[in-house]
Amino acid sequence: EYKDAIYCIGSCLGPHPFPKMVRDFQSVIGIEAREQFFDMTGIMPDAVCACVGGGSNSLGMFTPFLADPVEIYGVEPLGRGSNVGDHAATMKFGTKGRLHGFDYPGVGPEHAYLRDQGRIHYEAVTDEEAMEAFFLLSRFEGIIPAIESSHAVAYAIKYAKEHKSGSILVC
């Protein structure tokens, strides 16, 4: 019965303390990435980007950088386009609402807060762009990314074309 049940999944959403627990478990990757990037370069990256589905891997990556002077980008799936029903970019195009009995916009509440505060920028890339990035990374680096992660790779490619210098850390 719903009165005796709790809905929890492997993302940064649901009732406290689950969003915080998942974020903190995932932040091990962000902490290590931050330390390794600094050890390798002596500076912080200009930008950090990660894909946002439910938001766990991205919050894990972003949290260690929140106090740093870096631009942070959450990248969502634009699918076929920005029309309703063509995408899953809830942070970029969605509205606040209820799902599974608790309030969140399709991703975790901390993402919504950080977006509203202007700390994280949410962008979206199409399925076609994600698949192109998937094949580019596979061919040139020998890394076969998840399709979801390919969205972050695709945005990093766009970002690099717009910013001719600097560095991007991609989760």
N, C-alpha and C. Protein backbone atom coordinates (compact mmCIF):
# COMPACT_ATOMS: atom_id res chain seq x y z
N GLU A 1 0.84 -1.18 0.00
CA GLU A 1 0.00 0.00 0.00
C GLU A 1 0.89 1.25 0.00
N TYR A 2 0.44 2.31 -0.68
CA TYR A 2 1.25 3.51 -0.84
C TYR A 2 1.61 4.17 0.49
N LYS A 3 0.78 4.00 1.52
CA LYS A 3 1.06 4.64 2.81
C LYS A 3 2.27 4.01 3.49
N ASP A 4 2.59 2.78 3.13
CA ASP A 4 3.71 2.08 3.75
C ASP A 4 4.90 1.94 2.80
N ALA A 5 4.83 2.57 1.64
CA ALA A 5 5.87 2.41 0.63
C ALA A 5 6.63 3.71 0.43
N ILE A 6 7.81 3.58 -0.14
CA ILE A 6 8.59 4.76 -0.49
C ILE A 6 9.13 4.54 -1.90
N TYR A 7 9.07 5.56 -2.72
CA TYR A 7 9.54 5.47 -4.09
C TYR A 7 10.96 6.01 -4.15
N CYS A 8 11.92 5.16 -4.45
CA CYS A 8 13.29 5.65 -4.59
C CYS A 8 13.93 4.94 -5.78
N ILE A 9 14.67 5.71 -6.55
CA ILE A 9 15.37 5.19 -7.72
C ILE A 9 16.79 5.69 -7.68
N GLY A 10 17.58 5.29 -8.62
CA GLY A 10 19.00 5.64 -8.62
C GLY A 10 19.30 7.01 -9.17
N SER A 11 18.47 7.97 -8.92
CA SER A 11 18.74 9.33 -9.35
C SER A 11 18.54 10.27 -8.18
N CYS A 12 18.84 11.53 -8.40
CA CYS A 12 18.82 12.52 -7.32
C CYS A 12 17.43 13.10 -7.16
N LEU A 13 16.45 12.26 -6.87
CA LEU A 13 15.09 12.72 -6.68
C LEU A 13 14.39 11.82 -5.69
N GLY A 14 13.23 12.24 -5.29
CA GLY A 14 12.48 11.50 -4.29
C GLY A 14 12.57 12.21 -2.95
N PRO A 15 12.05 11.58 -1.90
CA PRO A 15 12.04 12.21 -0.58
C PRO A 15 13.44 12.21 0.04
N HIS A 16 13.68 13.20 0.88
CA HIS A 16 14.94 13.26 1.63
C HIS A 16 15.07 11.99 2.44
N PRO A 17 16.20 11.36 2.52
CA PRO A 17 17.54 11.83 2.13
C PRO A 17 18.03 11.29 0.79
N PHE A 18 17.14 10.67 -0.01
CA PHE A 18 17.60 9.99 -1.22
C PHE A 18 18.30 10.88 -2.24
N PRO A 19 17.80 12.07 -2.55
CA PRO A 19 18.54 12.90 -3.53
C PRO A 19 19.96 13.21 -3.07
N LYS A 20 20.10 13.53 -1.80
CA LYS A 20 21.43 13.85 -1.26
C LYS A 20 22.34 12.62 -1.25
N MET A 21 21.79 11.48 -0.89
CA MET A 21 22.60 10.26 -0.86
C MET A 21 23.15 9.93 -2.24
N VAL A 22 22.28 9.95 -3.25
CA VAL A 22 22.71 9.61 -4.60
C VAL A 22 23.73 10.63 -5.10
N ARG A 23 23.45 11.93 -4.89
CA ARG A 23 24.40 12.97 -5.30
C ARG A 23 25.76 12.75 -4.66
N ASP A 24 25.77 12.48 -3.37
CA ASP A 24 27.04 12.31 -2.67
C ASP A 24 27.79 11.06 -3.13
N PHE A 25 27.08 9.97 -3.38
CA PHE A 25 27.74 8.77 -3.90
C PHE A 25 28.35 9.06 -5.27
N GLN A 26 27.60 9.74 -6.12
CA GLN A 26 28.08 10.06 -7.46
C GLN A 26 29.20 11.11 -7.44
N SER A 27 29.28 11.92 -6.39
CA SER A 27 30.28 12.99 -6.36
C SER A 27 31.71 12.47 -6.23
N VAL A 28 31.86 11.20 -5.92
CA VAL A 28 33.21 10.62 -5.90
C VAL A 28 33.88 10.84 -7.26
N ILE A 29 33.12 10.67 -8.33
CA ILE A 29 33.65 10.87 -9.68
C ILE A 29 34.03 12.33 -9.89
N GLY A 30 33.18 13.25 -9.46
CA GLY A 30 33.46 14.67 -9.61
C GLY A 30 34.67 15.11 -8.80
N ILE A 31 34.79 14.62 -7.58
CA ILE A 31 35.93 14.96 -6.74
C ILE A 31 37.23 14.49 -7.39
N GLU A 32 37.23 13.25 -7.86
CA GLU A 32 38.43 12.72 -8.51
C GLU A 32 38.73 13.45 -9.81
N ALA A 33 37.71 13.75 -10.60
CA ALA A 33 37.92 14.47 -11.87
C ALA A 33 38.50 15.85 -11.60
N ARG A 34 37.99 16.55 -10.60
CA ARG A 34 38.49 17.89 -10.26
C ARG A 34 39.96 17.82 -9.84
N GLU A 35 40.27 16.90 -8.96
CA GLU A 35 41.66 16.75 -8.49
C GLU A 35 42.59 16.36 -9.64
N GLN A 36 42.18 15.41 -10.45
CA GLN A 36 43.03 14.96 -11.55
C GLN A 36 43.22 16.04 -12.60
N PHE A 37 42.16 16.78 -12.91
CA PHE A 37 42.29 17.86 -13.89
C PHE A 37 43.28 18.90 -13.38
N PHE A 38 43.14 19.29 -12.13
CA PHE A 38 44.05 20.29 -11.57
C PHE A 38 45.48 19.76 -11.51
N ASP A 39 45.66 18.52 -11.10
CA ASP A 39 47.00 17.93 -11.04
C ASP A 39 47.65 17.88 -12.42
N MET A 40 46.87 17.61 -13.46
CA MET A 40 47.40 17.50 -14.81
C MET A 40 47.69 18.87 -15.45
N THR A 41 46.89 19.88 -15.11
CA THR A 41 46.98 21.16 -15.82
C THR A 41 47.41 22.33 -14.95
N GLY A 42 47.21 22.23 -13.65
CA GLY A 42 47.51 23.33 -12.74
C GLY A 42 46.42 24.40 -12.71
N ILE A 43 45.32 24.19 -13.42
CA ILE A 43 44.20 25.14 -13.45
C ILE A 43 42.88 24.37 -13.37
N MET A 44 41.81 25.12 -13.19
CA MET A 44 40.47 24.54 -13.27
C MET A 44 40.01 24.62 -14.73
N PRO A 45 39.12 23.74 -15.17
CA PRO A 45 38.60 23.85 -16.54
C PRO A 45 37.76 25.12 -16.70
N ASP A 46 37.62 25.57 -17.92
CA ASP A 46 36.74 26.70 -18.19
C ASP A 46 35.29 26.27 -18.12
N ALA A 47 35.02 25.04 -18.50
CA ALA A 47 33.66 24.52 -18.50
C ALA A 47 33.64 23.06 -18.09
N VAL A 48 32.57 22.68 -17.42
CA VAL A 48 32.31 21.29 -17.05
C VAL A 48 30.93 20.97 -17.60
N CYS A 49 30.81 19.82 -18.29
CA CYS A 49 29.48 19.45 -18.78
C CYS A 49 29.24 17.97 -18.57
N ALA A 50 27.97 17.66 -18.37
CA ALA A 50 27.54 16.27 -18.19
C ALA A 50 26.11 16.16 -18.67
N CYS A 51 25.72 14.95 -19.03
CA CYS A 51 24.35 14.73 -19.48
C CYS A 51 23.41 14.75 -18.27
N VAL A 52 22.18 15.13 -18.54
CA VAL A 52 21.16 15.15 -17.51
C VAL A 52 19.97 14.34 -18.00
N GLY A 53 19.76 13.22 -17.36
CA GLY A 53 18.56 12.43 -17.57
C GLY A 53 17.76 12.61 -16.29
N GLY A 54 18.06 11.78 -15.29
CA GLY A 54 17.50 12.00 -13.96
C GLY A 54 18.37 12.94 -13.16
N GLY A 55 19.64 13.03 -13.52
CA GLY A 55 20.51 14.02 -12.90
C GLY A 55 21.55 13.51 -11.93
N SER A 56 21.69 12.21 -11.74
CA SER A 56 22.62 11.72 -10.72
C SER A 56 24.08 11.90 -11.11
N ASN A 57 24.47 11.47 -12.33
CA ASN A 57 25.88 11.58 -12.70
C ASN A 57 26.28 13.05 -12.83
N SER A 58 25.37 13.88 -13.33
CA SER A 58 25.72 15.29 -13.51
C SER A 58 25.87 16.00 -12.17
N LEU A 59 24.97 15.78 -11.23
CA LEU A 59 25.14 16.41 -9.92
C LEU A 59 26.40 15.92 -9.24
N GLY A 60 26.71 14.64 -9.43
CA GLY A 60 27.95 14.12 -8.87
C GLY A 60 29.17 14.81 -9.46
N MET A 61 29.13 15.11 -10.74
CA MET A 61 30.24 15.81 -11.39
C MET A 61 30.25 17.29 -11.02
N PHE A 62 29.08 17.92 -10.98
CA PHE A 62 29.02 19.36 -10.79
C PHE A 62 29.30 19.80 -9.36
N THR A 63 28.86 19.05 -8.37
CA THR A 63 28.93 19.48 -6.98
C THR A 63 30.32 19.92 -6.54
N PRO A 64 31.39 19.18 -6.86
CA PRO A 64 32.72 19.64 -6.43
C PRO A 64 33.17 20.94 -7.11
N PHE A 65 32.52 21.34 -8.19
CA PHE A 65 32.91 22.55 -8.93
C PHE A 65 32.03 23.75 -8.62
N LEU A 66 31.00 23.60 -7.81
CA LEU A 66 30.04 24.68 -7.61
C LEU A 66 30.68 25.96 -7.06
N ALA A 67 31.70 25.84 -6.24
CA ALA A 67 32.35 27.03 -5.67
C ALA A 67 33.49 27.55 -6.55
N ASP A 68 33.78 26.86 -7.63
CA ASP A 68 34.88 27.26 -8.52
C ASP A 68 34.39 28.20 -9.62
N PRO A 69 35.27 29.04 -10.14
CA PRO A 69 34.89 29.95 -11.23
C PRO A 69 34.88 29.23 -12.59
N VAL A 70 34.00 28.25 -12.73
CA VAL A 70 33.87 27.51 -13.98
C VAL A 70 32.41 27.58 -14.44
N GLU A 71 32.21 27.52 -15.74
CA GLU A 71 30.86 27.43 -16.29
C GLU A 71 30.44 25.97 -16.23
N ILE A 72 29.20 25.73 -15.85
CA ILE A 72 28.70 24.37 -15.71
C ILE A 72 27.48 24.20 -16.61
N TYR A 73 27.49 23.11 -17.40
CA TYR A 73 26.43 22.86 -18.36
C TYR A 73 25.85 21.46 -18.17
N GLY A 74 24.56 21.41 -17.96
CA GLY A 74 23.82 20.16 -17.96
C GLY A 74 23.21 19.99 -19.35
N VAL A 75 23.43 18.84 -19.96
CA VAL A 75 23.00 18.65 -21.34
C VAL A 75 21.90 17.60 -21.40
N GLU A 76 20.77 18.02 -21.96
CA GLU A 76 19.59 17.16 -22.03
C GLU A 76 19.33 16.69 -23.46
N PRO A 77 18.51 15.63 -23.59
CA PRO A 77 18.17 15.13 -24.93
C PRO A 77 17.07 15.95 -25.60
N LEU A 78 17.41 16.59 -26.71
CA LEU A 78 16.45 17.36 -27.48
C LEU A 78 15.65 16.47 -28.42
N GLY A 79 16.11 15.24 -28.60
CA GLY A 79 15.37 14.31 -29.45
C GLY A 79 15.24 14.83 -30.87
N ARG A 80 14.00 14.92 -31.33
CA ARG A 80 13.74 15.39 -32.70
C ARG A 80 13.59 16.90 -32.78
N GLY A 81 13.40 17.58 -31.64
CA GLY A 81 13.21 19.02 -31.67
C GLY A 81 12.53 19.53 -30.42
N SER A 82 12.24 20.83 -30.39
CA SER A 82 11.74 21.47 -29.18
C SER A 82 10.23 21.39 -29.01
N ASN A 83 9.51 20.77 -29.93
CA ASN A 83 8.06 20.64 -29.78
C ASN A 83 7.72 19.64 -28.69
N VAL A 84 6.61 19.86 -28.02
CA VAL A 84 6.14 18.94 -26.99
C VAL A 84 6.02 17.54 -27.59
N GLY A 85 6.55 16.55 -26.91
CA GLY A 85 6.51 15.18 -27.38
C GLY A 85 7.70 14.76 -28.21
N ASP A 86 8.55 15.72 -28.57
CA ASP A 86 9.72 15.40 -29.40
C ASP A 86 11.02 15.30 -28.61
N HIS A 87 11.00 15.65 -27.34
CA HIS A 87 12.24 15.71 -26.57
C HIS A 87 12.02 15.26 -25.12
N ALA A 88 13.13 15.17 -24.39
CA ALA A 88 13.09 14.88 -22.96
C ALA A 88 13.92 15.92 -22.21
N ALA A 89 13.90 17.15 -22.69
CA ALA A 89 14.69 18.24 -22.10
C ALA A 89 13.83 19.01 -21.10
N THR A 90 13.58 18.40 -19.95
CA THR A 90 12.67 18.99 -18.98
C THR A 90 13.23 20.23 -18.29
N MET A 91 14.53 20.32 -18.10
CA MET A 91 15.10 21.51 -17.46
C MET A 91 15.08 22.70 -18.41
N LYS A 92 15.23 22.45 -19.68
CA LYS A 92 15.25 23.53 -20.67
C LYS A 92 13.84 23.95 -21.09
N PHE A 93 12.93 22.99 -21.26
CA PHE A 93 11.61 23.30 -21.80
C PHE A 93 10.44 22.95 -20.89
N GLY A 94 10.69 22.19 -19.83
CA GLY A 94 9.60 21.70 -19.00
C GLY A 94 9.05 22.72 -18.02
N THR A 95 8.00 22.31 -17.33
CA THR A 95 7.40 23.13 -16.29
C THR A 95 7.34 22.31 -15.01
N LYS A 96 7.24 23.00 -13.89
CA LYS A 96 7.17 22.32 -12.61
C LYS A 96 5.88 21.54 -12.52
N GLY A 97 5.94 20.38 -11.83
CA GLY A 97 4.74 19.55 -11.72
C GLY A 97 4.96 18.42 -10.74
N ARG A 98 4.08 17.45 -10.81
CA ARG A 98 4.14 16.29 -9.92
C ARG A 98 4.33 15.03 -10.75
N LEU A 99 5.16 14.15 -10.25
CA LEU A 99 5.36 12.86 -10.89
C LEU A 99 5.64 11.86 -9.78
N HIS A 100 5.01 10.73 -9.82
CA HIS A 100 5.21 9.67 -8.82
C HIS A 100 4.93 10.17 -7.40
N GLY A 101 4.08 11.19 -7.27
CA GLY A 101 3.67 11.63 -5.94
C GLY A 101 4.57 12.64 -5.27
N PHE A 102 5.59 13.12 -5.95
CA PHE A 102 6.41 14.18 -5.36
C PHE A 102 6.78 15.19 -6.43
N ASP A 103 7.14 16.40 -5.99
CA ASP A 103 7.39 17.50 -6.92
C ASP A 103 8.83 17.49 -7.41
N TYR A 104 8.99 17.46 -8.73
CA TYR A 104 10.27 17.71 -9.38
C TYR A 104 10.00 17.86 -10.86
N PRO A 105 10.87 18.53 -11.60
CA PRO A 105 10.57 18.82 -13.00
C PRO A 105 11.01 17.76 -13.99
N GLY A 106 11.12 16.51 -13.56
CA GLY A 106 11.59 15.45 -14.44
C GLY A 106 13.01 15.06 -14.09
N VAL A 107 13.69 15.90 -13.37
CA VAL A 107 15.00 15.61 -12.81
C VAL A 107 14.96 16.08 -11.36
N GLY A 108 16.06 15.91 -10.66
CA GLY A 108 16.07 16.18 -9.23
C GLY A 108 15.86 17.63 -8.84
N PRO A 109 15.39 17.84 -7.60
CA PRO A 109 15.12 19.19 -7.11
C PRO A 109 16.37 20.07 -7.01
N GLU A 110 17.53 19.48 -6.78
CA GLU A 110 18.74 20.30 -6.71
C GLU A 110 19.08 20.88 -8.07
N HIS A 111 18.83 20.13 -9.13
CA HIS A 111 19.01 20.68 -10.47
C HIS A 111 18.11 21.89 -10.68
N ALA A 112 16.84 21.76 -10.27
CA ALA A 112 15.90 22.87 -10.42
C ALA A 112 16.38 24.09 -9.65
N TYR A 113 16.87 23.87 -8.44
CA TYR A 113 17.38 24.98 -7.63
C TYR A 113 18.58 25.64 -8.30
N LEU A 114 19.54 24.84 -8.73
CA LEU A 114 20.76 25.40 -9.34
C LEU A 114 20.46 26.10 -10.66
N ARG A 115 19.47 25.60 -11.39
CA ARG A 115 19.04 26.32 -12.61
C ARG A 115 18.42 27.65 -12.23
N ASP A 116 17.52 27.65 -11.27
CA ASP A 116 16.84 28.88 -10.87
C ASP A 116 17.82 29.90 -10.31
N GLN A 117 18.90 29.44 -9.69
CA GLN A 117 19.93 30.34 -9.17
C GLN A 117 20.89 30.82 -10.25
N GLY A 118 20.82 30.23 -11.43
CA GLY A 118 21.70 30.61 -12.54
C GLY A 118 23.08 30.00 -12.46
N ARG A 119 23.29 29.04 -11.56
CA ARG A 119 24.62 28.45 -11.42
C ARG A 119 24.91 27.42 -12.50
N ILE A 120 23.91 26.69 -12.92
CA ILE A 120 24.09 25.70 -13.97
C ILE A 120 23.24 26.10 -15.17
N HIS A 121 23.83 25.99 -16.34
CA HIS A 121 23.13 26.28 -17.59
C HIS A 121 22.68 24.95 -18.18
N TYR A 122 21.45 24.90 -18.64
CA TYR A 122 20.92 23.68 -19.23
C TYR A 122 20.75 23.88 -20.72
N GLU A 123 21.37 22.99 -21.47
CA GLU A 123 21.34 23.02 -22.93
C GLU A 123 20.79 21.69 -23.41
N ALA A 124 20.51 21.59 -24.69
CA ALA A 124 20.00 20.34 -25.24
C ALA A 124 20.62 20.10 -26.61
N VAL A 125 20.83 18.84 -26.94
CA VAL A 125 21.33 18.45 -28.26
C VAL A 125 20.40 17.40 -28.84
N THR A 126 20.32 17.37 -30.15
CA THR A 126 19.42 16.44 -30.83
C THR A 126 19.97 15.01 -30.79
N ASP A 127 19.10 14.08 -31.10
CA ASP A 127 19.51 12.68 -31.21
C ASP A 127 20.61 12.54 -32.27
N GLU A 128 20.41 13.24 -33.38
CA GLU A 128 21.39 13.18 -34.47
C GLU A 128 22.76 13.69 -34.01
N GLU A 129 22.79 14.79 -33.28
CA GLU A 129 24.06 15.33 -32.77
C GLU A 129 24.71 14.37 -31.78
N ALA A 130 23.89 13.76 -30.92
CA ALA A 130 24.42 12.81 -29.94
C ALA A 130 25.02 11.59 -30.63
N MET A 131 24.36 11.09 -31.66
CA MET A 131 24.88 9.92 -32.37
C MET A 131 26.16 10.26 -33.14
N GLU A 132 26.21 11.45 -33.70
CA GLU A 132 27.45 11.87 -34.37
C GLU A 132 28.60 11.94 -33.37
N ALA A 133 28.33 12.49 -32.19
CA ALA A 133 29.37 12.56 -31.14
C ALA A 133 29.77 11.16 -30.68
N PHE A 134 28.80 10.26 -30.57
CA PHE A 134 29.06 8.88 -30.20
C PHE A 134 30.09 8.26 -31.15
N PHE A 135 29.86 8.40 -32.45
CA PHE A 135 30.75 7.80 -33.42
C PHE A 135 32.10 8.52 -33.49
N LEU A 136 32.11 9.84 -33.33
CA LEU A 136 33.39 10.57 -33.32
C LEU A 136 34.27 10.13 -32.16
N LEU A 137 33.71 10.08 -30.97
CA LEU A 137 34.49 9.66 -29.80
C LEU A 137 34.96 8.22 -29.95
N SER A 138 34.09 7.36 -30.46
CA SER A 138 34.46 5.95 -30.65
C SER A 138 35.60 5.80 -31.65
N ARG A 139 35.51 6.52 -32.76
CA ARG A 139 36.52 6.40 -33.81
C ARG A 139 37.85 7.05 -33.44
N PHE A 140 37.81 8.25 -32.89
CA PHE A 140 39.04 8.99 -32.65
C PHE A 140 39.72 8.66 -31.33
N GLU A 141 38.95 8.28 -30.31
CA GLU A 141 39.55 8.01 -29.00
C GLU A 141 39.45 6.56 -28.57
N GLY A 142 38.66 5.76 -29.29
CA GLY A 142 38.48 4.37 -28.90
C GLY A 142 37.63 4.20 -27.67
N ILE A 143 36.88 5.25 -27.30
CA ILE A 143 35.99 5.21 -26.14
C ILE A 143 34.56 5.08 -26.67
N ILE A 144 33.87 4.05 -26.22
CA ILE A 144 32.49 3.86 -26.63
C ILE A 144 31.60 4.38 -25.50
N PRO A 145 31.03 5.58 -25.68
CA PRO A 145 30.23 6.16 -24.60
C PRO A 145 28.81 5.62 -24.59
N ALA A 146 28.13 5.81 -23.49
CA ALA A 146 26.69 5.56 -23.46
C ALA A 146 26.02 6.60 -24.34
N ILE A 147 24.86 6.28 -24.87
CA ILE A 147 24.13 7.24 -25.69
C ILE A 147 23.83 8.49 -24.87
N GLU A 148 23.43 8.32 -23.62
CA GLU A 148 23.14 9.48 -22.76
C GLU A 148 24.38 10.37 -22.63
N SER A 149 25.52 9.77 -22.37
CA SER A 149 26.77 10.55 -22.24
C SER A 149 27.14 11.22 -23.55
N SER A 150 26.74 10.64 -24.66
CA SER A 150 27.04 11.23 -25.97
C SER A 150 26.42 12.62 -26.12
N HIS A 151 25.36 12.89 -25.38
CA HIS A 151 24.77 14.23 -25.41
C HIS A 151 25.76 15.25 -24.86
N ALA A 152 26.46 14.91 -23.78
CA ALA A 152 27.46 15.82 -23.20
C ALA A 152 28.63 15.99 -24.16
N VAL A 153 29.05 14.91 -24.81
CA VAL A 153 30.14 14.99 -25.79
C VAL A 153 29.73 15.91 -26.94
N ALA A 154 28.49 15.76 -27.40
CA ALA A 154 28.01 16.61 -28.50
C ALA A 154 28.00 18.08 -28.10
N TYR A 155 27.57 18.36 -26.87
CA TYR A 155 27.58 19.76 -26.44
C TYR A 155 29.01 20.28 -26.31
N ALA A 156 29.91 19.46 -25.83
CA ALA A 156 31.32 19.88 -25.72
C ALA A 156 31.89 20.24 -27.09
N ILE A 157 31.50 19.50 -28.11
CA ILE A 157 31.96 19.80 -29.47
C ILE A 157 31.43 21.17 -29.90
N LYS A 158 30.14 21.42 -29.64
CA LYS A 158 29.56 22.73 -29.95
C LYS A 158 30.28 23.85 -29.19
N TYR A 159 30.49 23.60 -27.91
CA TYR A 159 31.14 24.60 -27.04
C TYR A 159 32.54 24.92 -27.56
N ALA A 160 33.27 23.89 -27.93
CA ALA A 160 34.64 24.08 -28.42
C ALA A 160 34.66 24.90 -29.71
N LYS A 161 33.67 24.71 -30.57
CA LYS A 161 33.61 25.48 -31.81
C LYS A 161 33.32 26.95 -31.53
N GLU A 162 32.56 27.24 -30.49
CA GLU A 162 32.22 28.61 -30.13
C GLU A 162 33.32 29.31 -29.33
N HIS A 163 34.08 28.54 -28.57
CA HIS A 163 35.16 29.07 -27.73
C HIS A 163 36.47 28.49 -28.24
N LYS A 164 37.21 29.27 -28.94
CA LYS A 164 38.41 28.77 -29.66
C LYS A 164 39.58 28.43 -28.73
N SER A 165 39.49 28.80 -27.46
CA SER A 165 40.54 28.44 -26.51
C SER A 165 39.88 28.03 -25.20
N GLY A 166 40.68 27.48 -24.31
CA GLY A 166 40.16 27.05 -23.02
C GLY A 166 40.04 25.54 -22.94
N SER A 167 39.42 25.08 -21.88
CA SER A 167 39.33 23.64 -21.66
C SER A 167 37.92 23.27 -21.20
N ILE A 168 37.54 22.04 -21.54
CA ILE A 168 36.23 21.51 -21.20
C ILE A 168 36.43 20.15 -20.53
N LEU A 169 35.82 19.95 -19.41
CA LEU A 169 35.83 18.66 -18.74
C LEU A 169 34.45 18.03 -18.96
N VAL A 170 34.44 16.86 -19.60
CA VAL A 170 33.18 16.19 -19.93
C VAL A 170 33.04 14.94 -19.09
N CYS A 171 31.87 14.78 -18.48
CA CYS A 171 31.57 13.57 -17.73
C CYS A 171 30.88 12.60 -18.67
